[in-house]
């Protein structure tokens, strides 16, 4: 079940990519879902897209902190 205020959607993804996301999530102590959201936020920041201040840290960490 989706968290309140979160949009849920179906994602079709290559099994090899998903396996790597799961490994990375385990290493960084996140759920796979949180890892996907974290990576998407990182990608948006790297492309110069601003995120609303109240949603910038929902994935547990500041995306720019790992750069």
C-alpha atoms as a PDB file:
ATOM      1  CA  UNK A   1       0.000   0.000   0.000  1.00  0.00           C
ATOM      2  CA  UNK A   2       1.313   3.456  -0.924  1.00  0.00           C
ATOM      3  CA  UNK A   3       2.141   5.969   1.767  1.00  0.00           C
ATOM      4  CA  UNK A   4      -0.275   8.888   2.124  1.00  0.00           C
ATOM      5  CA  UNK A   5       0.653  11.665  -0.276  1.00  0.00           C
ATOM      6  CA  UNK A   6       2.642   9.341  -2.545  1.00  0.00           C
ATOM      7  CA  UNK A   7       1.699   8.445  -6.113  1.00  0.00           C
ATOM      8  CA  UNK A   8       1.877   4.751  -6.942  1.00  0.00           C
ATOM      9  CA  UNK A   9       2.450   3.424 -10.457  1.00  0.00           C
ATOM     10  CA  UNK A  10       3.431   0.260 -12.275  1.00  0.00           C
ATOM     11  CA  UNK A  11       7.029   0.108 -13.490  1.00  0.00           C
ATOM     12  CA  UNK A  12       8.335  -2.402 -15.997  1.00  0.00           C
ATOM     13  CA  UNK A  13      12.078  -2.759 -15.575  1.00  0.00           C
ATOM     14  CA  UNK A  14      14.841  -5.034 -16.828  1.00  0.00           C
ATOM     15  CA  UNK A  15      15.472  -7.771 -14.226  1.00  0.00           C
ATOM     16  CA  UNK A  16      19.225  -7.088 -14.219  1.00  0.00           C
ATOM     17  CA  UNK A  17      18.635  -3.405 -13.408  1.00  0.00           C
ATOM     18  CA  UNK A  18      16.181  -4.330 -10.656  1.00  0.00           C
ATOM     19  CA  UNK A  19      18.676  -6.773  -9.139  1.00  0.00           C
ATOM     20  CA  UNK A  20      21.308  -4.026  -9.021  1.00  0.00           C
ATOM     21  CA  UNK A  21      18.827  -1.608  -7.419  1.00  0.00           C
ATOM     22  CA  UNK A  22      18.043  -4.230  -4.778  1.00  0.00           C
ATOM     23  CA  UNK A  23      21.764  -4.780  -4.066  1.00  0.00           C
ATOM     24  CA  UNK A  24      22.394  -1.046  -3.830  1.00  0.00           C
ATOM     25  CA  UNK A  25      19.354  -0.558  -1.583  1.00  0.00           C
ATOM     26  CA  UNK A  26      20.575  -3.275   0.788  1.00  0.00           C
ATOM     27  CA  UNK A  27      24.040  -1.704   0.948  1.00  0.00           C
ATOM     28  CA  UNK A  28      22.546   1.720   1.713  1.00  0.00           C
ATOM     29  CA  UNK A  29      19.942   0.344   4.162  1.00  0.00           C
ATOM     30  CA  UNK A  30      16.932   1.421   2.109  1.00  0.00           C
ATOM     31  CA  UNK A  31      13.966  -0.413   0.701  1.00  0.00           C
ATOM     32  CA  UNK A  32      14.036  -0.980  -3.043  1.00  0.00           C
ATOM     33  CA  UNK A  33      11.214   1.530  -3.440  1.00  0.00           C
ATOM     34  CA  UNK A  34      13.102   4.180  -1.443  1.00  0.00           C
ATOM     35  CA  UNK A  35      16.212   3.465  -3.514  1.00  0.00           C
ATOM     36  CA  UNK A  36      14.343   4.045  -6.784  1.00  0.00           C
ATOM     37  CA  UNK A  37      12.947   7.321  -5.423  1.00  0.00           C
ATOM     38  CA  UNK A  38      16.417   8.352  -4.203  1.00  0.00           C
ATOM     39  CA  UNK A  39      17.974   7.634  -7.611  1.00  0.00           C
ATOM     40  CA  UNK A  40      15.220   9.549  -9.398  1.00  0.00           C
ATOM     41  CA  UNK A  41      15.731  12.537  -7.095  1.00  0.00           C
ATOM     42  CA  UNK A  42      19.495  12.388  -7.706  1.00  0.00           C
ATOM     43  CA  UNK A  43      18.922  12.355 -11.460  1.00  0.00           C
ATOM     44  CA  UNK A  44      16.595  15.361 -11.262  1.00  0.00           C
ATOM     45  CA  UNK A  45      19.082  17.350  -9.179  1.00  0.00           C
ATOM     46  CA  UNK A  46      21.924  16.463 -11.573  1.00  0.00           C
ATOM     47  CA  UNK A  47      19.807  17.807 -14.430  1.00  0.00           C
ATOM     48  CA  UNK A  48      19.209  21.075 -12.612  1.00  0.00           C
ATOM     49  CA  UNK A  49      15.584  20.424 -11.731  1.00  0.00           C
ATOM     50  CA  UNK A  50      14.498  21.910  -8.436  1.00  0.00           C
ATOM     51  CA  UNK A  51      12.330  19.955  -6.052  1.00  0.00           C
ATOM     52  CA  UNK A  52       9.827  21.467  -3.620  1.00  0.00           C
ATOM     53  CA  UNK A  53      11.581  22.146  -0.297  1.00  0.00           C
ATOM     54  CA  UNK A  54       9.120  20.048   1.718  1.00  0.00           C
ATOM     55  CA  UNK A  55       9.684  17.000  -0.548  1.00  0.00           C
ATOM     56  CA  UNK A  56      13.433  17.309  -1.136  1.00  0.00           C
ATOM     57  CA  UNK A  57      14.379  14.853   1.621  1.00  0.00           C
ATOM     58  CA  UNK A  58      11.561  12.273   1.553  1.00  0.00           C
ATOM     59  CA  UNK A  59      13.863   9.454   0.473  1.00  0.00           C
ATOM     60  CA  UNK A  60      15.936   9.709   3.629  1.00  0.00           C
ATOM     61  CA  UNK A  61      18.954  11.633   2.371  1.00  0.00           C
ATOM     62  CA  UNK A  62      19.837  14.781   0.461  1.00  0.00           C
ATOM     63  CA  UNK A  63      20.500  13.685  -3.155  1.00  0.00           C
ATOM     64  CA  UNK A  64      23.329  16.204  -3.493  1.00  0.00           C
ATOM     65  CA  UNK A  65      25.131  14.850  -0.400  1.00  0.00           C
ATOM     66  CA  UNK A  66      26.621  11.872  -2.259  1.00  0.00           C
ATOM     67  CA  UNK A  67      28.161  13.916  -5.073  1.00  0.00           C
END
